[in-house]
Protein backbone atom coordinates (compact mmCIF):
# COMPACT_ATOMS: atom_id res chain seq x y z
CA MET A 1 -7.71 -19.71 -157.29
CA ASN A 2 -5.95 -22.37 -159.45
CA LEU A 3 -8.09 -25.35 -160.26
CA LEU A 4 -5.85 -27.15 -162.76
CA SER A 5 -4.47 -30.42 -161.76
CA LEU A 6 -1.59 -30.03 -164.16
CA ALA A 7 -0.04 -26.78 -165.41
CA LYS A 8 -0.60 -25.95 -169.08
CA LYS A 9 1.64 -23.57 -171.15
CA THR A 10 -0.10 -21.03 -173.33
CA LYS A 11 1.21 -18.29 -175.43
CA TYR A 12 -0.40 -15.62 -173.66
CA ASP A 13 1.95 -13.83 -171.36
CA LYS A 14 1.99 -11.03 -168.84
CA ARG A 15 2.69 -8.35 -171.40
CA MET A 16 -0.04 -9.32 -173.79
CA PHE A 17 -2.62 -9.29 -170.95
CA GLU A 18 -1.29 -5.66 -169.63
CA HIS A 19 -1.55 -4.55 -173.25
CA ARG A 20 -5.01 -5.99 -173.68
CA ARG A 21 -6.10 -4.22 -170.46
CA MET A 22 -4.78 -1.00 -171.63
CA ILE A 23 -6.56 -1.25 -174.87
CA ASN A 24 -10.02 -2.12 -173.16
CA ARG A 25 -9.51 0.98 -170.88
CA ASN A 26 -9.02 3.20 -173.70
CA GLY A 27 -12.37 2.25 -175.04
CA PHE A 28 -11.59 0.11 -177.89
CA PHE A 29 -14.18 -2.41 -176.91
CA ASP A 30 -16.80 -0.22 -175.46
CA PRO A 31 -19.33 -0.42 -178.00
CA LEU A 32 -19.13 -4.53 -178.21
CA ASN A 33 -19.18 -4.64 -174.38
CA ALA A 34 -22.35 -2.50 -174.40
CA ALA A 35 -23.98 -4.75 -176.90
CA VAL A 36 -22.99 -7.91 -174.85
CA SER A 37 -24.64 -6.21 -171.93
CA ASN A 38 -27.64 -5.26 -173.57
CA LYS A 39 -28.15 -8.97 -174.90
CA ILE A 40 -28.14 -10.05 -171.23
CA ILE A 41 -30.18 -7.31 -169.74
CA ASN A 42 -32.94 -7.98 -172.34
CA GLN A 43 -33.13 -11.92 -171.13
CA LEU A 44 -33.15 -10.93 -167.18
CA GLY A 45 -36.05 -11.33 -165.11
CA ASN A 46 -36.93 -8.90 -162.46
CA ASN A 47 -34.74 -9.15 -159.44
CA GLU A 48 -33.81 -12.68 -160.13
CA PRO A 49 -30.22 -13.84 -158.85
CA THR A 50 -27.97 -13.97 -162.04
CA SER A 51 -24.80 -16.03 -162.72
CA ILE A 52 -22.31 -15.61 -165.40
CA LEU A 53 -19.46 -17.51 -166.57
CA ASP A 54 -16.66 -15.84 -168.95
CA ALA A 55 -14.84 -18.63 -170.33
CA GLY A 56 -11.60 -17.88 -171.65
CA CYS A 57 -11.73 -14.47 -169.67
CA GLY A 58 -8.17 -13.55 -170.19
CA GLU A 59 -7.23 -10.80 -167.91
CA GLY A 60 -10.86 -10.13 -167.22
CA SER A 61 -11.50 -6.86 -168.89
CA HIS A 62 -14.33 -7.91 -170.89
CA LEU A 63 -16.18 -9.34 -167.82
CA THR A 64 -15.62 -6.40 -165.46
CA GLU A 65 -16.81 -3.86 -168.32
CA ILE A 66 -20.11 -5.86 -168.85
CA GLN A 67 -20.54 -6.44 -165.13
CA GLU A 68 -20.35 -2.67 -164.35
CA LYS A 69 -22.73 -1.94 -167.02
CA LEU A 70 -25.23 -4.59 -165.51
CA PHE A 71 -24.72 -3.06 -162.08
CA ARG A 72 -25.90 0.42 -163.56
CA LYS A 73 -28.71 -0.87 -165.37
CA THR A 74 -30.20 -3.87 -163.34
CA THR A 75 -31.10 -4.50 -159.56
CA ASN A 76 -30.40 -8.25 -159.97
CA SER A 77 -27.96 -9.77 -157.74
CA LEU A 78 -24.89 -11.00 -159.98
CA LEU A 79 -22.47 -13.71 -159.51
CA ALA A 80 -19.79 -13.35 -162.20
CA VAL A 81 -17.11 -16.02 -162.66
CA GLY A 82 -14.06 -15.91 -165.19
CA ILE A 83 -12.09 -18.80 -166.09
CA ASP A 84 -8.81 -18.86 -168.09
CA LEU A 85 -6.15 -21.66 -168.68
CA SER A 86 -3.56 -18.70 -168.52
CA LYS A 87 -2.25 -18.44 -164.87
CA GLU A 88 -0.93 -14.83 -165.97
CA GLY A 89 -4.31 -13.69 -167.08
CA ILE A 90 -6.09 -14.69 -163.83
CA SER A 91 -3.51 -13.46 -161.64
CA SER A 92 -3.79 -10.08 -163.66
CA ALA A 93 -7.61 -10.21 -163.26
CA ALA A 94 -7.45 -11.06 -159.67
CA ALA A 95 -5.18 -8.23 -158.78
CA GLU A 96 -7.14 -5.62 -160.58
CA TYR A 97 -10.76 -6.65 -160.24
CA SER A 98 -12.45 -7.80 -156.97
CA ASN A 99 -15.99 -8.10 -158.04
CA ALA A 100 -15.80 -11.54 -159.76
CA ILE A 101 -14.34 -15.07 -158.98
CA TRP A 102 -11.22 -15.70 -161.09
CA CYS A 103 -9.99 -19.29 -161.49
CA VAL A 104 -7.32 -21.02 -163.65
CA ALA A 105 -9.09 -23.55 -165.42
CA ASP A 106 -9.60 -25.59 -168.47
CA ILE A 107 -12.77 -24.89 -170.45
CA ALA A 108 -12.73 -28.12 -171.75
CA ASN A 109 -13.05 -29.59 -168.09
CA CYS A 110 -14.83 -26.93 -166.15
CA PRO A 111 -14.80 -27.41 -162.39
CA PHE A 112 -18.64 -26.43 -161.79
CA ALA A 113 -21.85 -28.35 -161.63
CA ASN A 114 -24.18 -28.94 -164.12
CA HIS A 115 -26.68 -26.16 -165.18
CA ARG A 116 -24.76 -23.76 -162.92
CA PHE A 117 -24.87 -20.70 -164.88
CA ASP A 118 -27.58 -18.30 -166.57
CA PHE A 119 -25.02 -16.81 -169.15
CA ILE A 120 -21.95 -18.11 -170.60
CA LEU A 121 -19.72 -15.54 -172.36
CA ASN A 122 -17.06 -16.65 -174.69
CA ILE A 123 -15.74 -13.63 -176.14
CA LEU A 124 -12.84 -13.74 -178.82
CA SER A 125 -11.59 -17.06 -177.26
CA PRO A 126 -11.75 -20.83 -178.19
CA ALA A 127 -14.83 -22.84 -177.00
CA ASN A 128 -15.87 -26.09 -175.83
CA TYR A 129 -19.51 -26.48 -176.59
CA SER A 130 -20.15 -29.91 -174.79
CA GLU A 131 -18.90 -28.33 -171.59
CA PHE A 132 -21.12 -25.17 -172.34
CA LYS A 133 -24.04 -27.34 -172.66
CA ARG A 134 -23.52 -29.03 -169.44
CA LEU A 135 -22.97 -25.79 -167.59
CA ILE A 136 -25.89 -23.67 -169.06
CA ALA A 137 -29.14 -23.72 -167.32
CA ASP A 138 -32.29 -24.55 -169.38
CA GLU A 139 -33.61 -21.64 -171.44
CA SER A 140 -30.50 -19.71 -170.59
CA MET A 141 -28.06 -18.03 -172.99
CA VAL A 142 -24.52 -18.60 -174.55
CA ILE A 143 -23.22 -15.53 -175.90
CA LYS A 144 -20.24 -16.10 -178.10
CA VAL A 145 -18.24 -13.08 -179.92
CA ILE A 146 -16.16 -13.96 -183.04
CA PRO A 147 -14.25 -11.66 -185.02
CA GLU A 148 -15.89 -10.44 -188.44
CA ARG A 149 -14.18 -10.01 -191.63
CA ASP A 150 -12.81 -6.34 -190.89
CA TYR A 151 -11.45 -7.04 -187.38
CA LEU A 152 -8.47 -5.20 -187.16
CA LYS A 153 -7.93 -4.98 -190.97
CA GLU A 154 -5.42 -2.40 -190.86
CA LEU A 155 -2.92 -4.70 -189.05
CA ARG A 156 -3.87 -7.77 -190.89
CA ASP A 157 -3.17 -5.99 -194.16
CA ILE A 158 0.33 -5.17 -192.76
CA PHE A 159 1.20 -8.62 -190.93
CA TYR A 160 -0.42 -10.85 -193.75
CA GLU A 161 -0.02 -8.88 -196.75
CA GLY A 162 -0.07 -11.15 -200.08
CA SER A 163 -1.02 -14.32 -197.82
CA GLU A 164 -4.32 -16.25 -197.53
CA LYS A 165 -4.66 -14.96 -193.99
CA GLN A 166 -4.82 -11.39 -195.21
CA VAL A 167 -8.70 -12.00 -195.82
CA TYR A 168 -10.29 -13.39 -192.57
CA SER A 169 -13.37 -16.00 -192.53
CA ASN A 170 -15.59 -16.81 -189.58
CA GLU A 171 -17.77 -19.20 -191.68
CA MET A 172 -16.51 -22.36 -189.98
CA THR A 173 -16.76 -21.04 -186.64
CA LEU A 174 -20.23 -19.73 -187.22
CA ASP A 175 -21.39 -23.30 -188.71
CA HIS A 176 -19.85 -25.08 -185.71
CA PHE A 177 -21.69 -22.91 -183.14
CA SER A 178 -24.88 -23.59 -185.01
CA GLU A 179 -24.44 -27.14 -184.92
CA HIS A 180 -24.40 -27.34 -181.13
CA PHE A 181 -26.76 -24.45 -180.19
CA GLU A 182 -29.89 -23.03 -181.58
CA LEU A 183 -29.04 -19.85 -183.03
CA THR A 184 -31.61 -17.52 -181.83
CA ASP A 185 -30.06 -14.06 -182.65
CA VAL A 186 -26.87 -12.53 -184.40
CA GLU A 187 -25.59 -8.91 -184.19
CA ASN A 188 -23.04 -7.38 -186.02
CA VAL A 189 -21.03 -4.65 -184.15
CA ARG A 190 -18.57 -2.69 -186.44
CA TYR A 191 -16.94 0.75 -185.63
CA GLN A 192 -13.64 2.34 -186.13
CA VAL A 193 -11.29 3.79 -183.33
CA ASN A 194 -9.06 6.56 -183.63
CA LEU A 195 -5.25 5.74 -182.74
CA GLY A 196 -3.45 7.97 -180.50
CA GLU A 197 0.36 7.41 -180.63
CA SER A 198 0.25 5.85 -177.01
CA SER A 199 -2.19 3.05 -178.33
CA ILE A 200 -0.31 1.69 -181.12
CA LYS A 201 2.25 -0.44 -179.10
CA PRO A 202 -0.32 -1.93 -176.77
CA LEU A 203 -2.45 -2.72 -179.92
CA LEU A 204 0.28 -4.51 -181.60
CA GLY A 205 1.05 -6.14 -178.40
CA MET A 206 -2.33 -7.57 -177.49
CA THR A 207 -3.13 -9.52 -180.72
CA PRO A 208 -1.74 -12.86 -181.87
CA LEU A 209 -1.40 -11.24 -185.32
CA SER A 210 1.83 -10.06 -184.18
CA TRP A 211 3.16 -13.58 -183.08
CA GLY A 212 6.34 -14.35 -184.87
CA THR A 213 6.93 -10.92 -186.17
CA THR A 214 10.41 -9.47 -185.52
CA THR A 215 11.18 -6.61 -183.41
CA GLU A 216 12.40 -4.58 -186.17
CA ARG A 217 9.20 -5.18 -188.19
CA LEU A 218 6.98 -4.15 -185.25
CA ARG A 219 9.02 -0.96 -184.73
CA LYS A 220 8.54 0.03 -188.39
CA ILE A 221 4.72 -0.85 -188.08
CA GLN A 222 4.64 1.73 -185.12
CA GLU A 223 6.50 4.06 -187.18
CA MET A 224 3.72 4.01 -189.77
CA LYS A 225 1.48 6.12 -187.47
CA LEU A 226 -1.88 4.31 -188.43
CA GLN A 227 -4.71 6.81 -187.89
CA GLN A 228 -7.68 4.36 -187.16
CA VAL A 229 -8.28 0.90 -186.69
CA THR A 230 -11.50 -1.17 -187.53
CA MET A 231 -13.27 -3.19 -184.81
CA ASP A 232 -15.77 -5.70 -186.37
CA PHE A 233 -17.40 -8.37 -184.55
CA LYS A 234 -20.36 -10.93 -184.78
CA ILE A 235 -22.24 -11.73 -181.58
CA LEU A 236 -23.94 -15.13 -181.58
CA ILE A 237 -26.66 -15.87 -179.19
CA GLY A 238 -27.27 -19.68 -178.51
CA LYS A 239 -29.90 -21.58 -176.49
CA LYS A 240 -29.65 -25.43 -176.07
């Protein structure tokens, strides 16, 4: 479903979303998705209908994995909606996953009624907090996931060696979130994933870290045969 009045270009193409899905299916985000699911489960009332918006859902992998975990652990009826500015991402999500509503839409101008959602997810994606405040129901929860210092550190060390981007800081993002919502909980999720040879290409292809890198440099990085990669996140829980 396309709810944009005007098409907007993004840097996220079909191949990047395919790579993201492959990485998700290979379990790279399983501990993160499990942690987010538990946050939702701990907030749910018994058998109450629940609505979740994934703002910036990409190709839909995170929302789908979280939704499946909720189906297994709760009896609540669940409405799941994913929106993204990328038509490629939403087309990919709609083709692969049928248990949610997928919409091409701008998170800065969401086409939904006030106080419509019990949970808003914003996972490794830009945010619009004024819209989130409008959309979230009273006493409900915004769950934002941001990279921590060591997220994909092994790749960052290669791509940004010797530059200021080699060391990542999320302090400004954390402060900005806290300015708009009451920060009620923070959880760090850090683990390492073993890299099989078939995982390296999609891992490089799914991250903006590789934007602007030459094909030759990407080939050389693949030939380095990294053994592990670090996944490092901070989950922010906010209420208005």
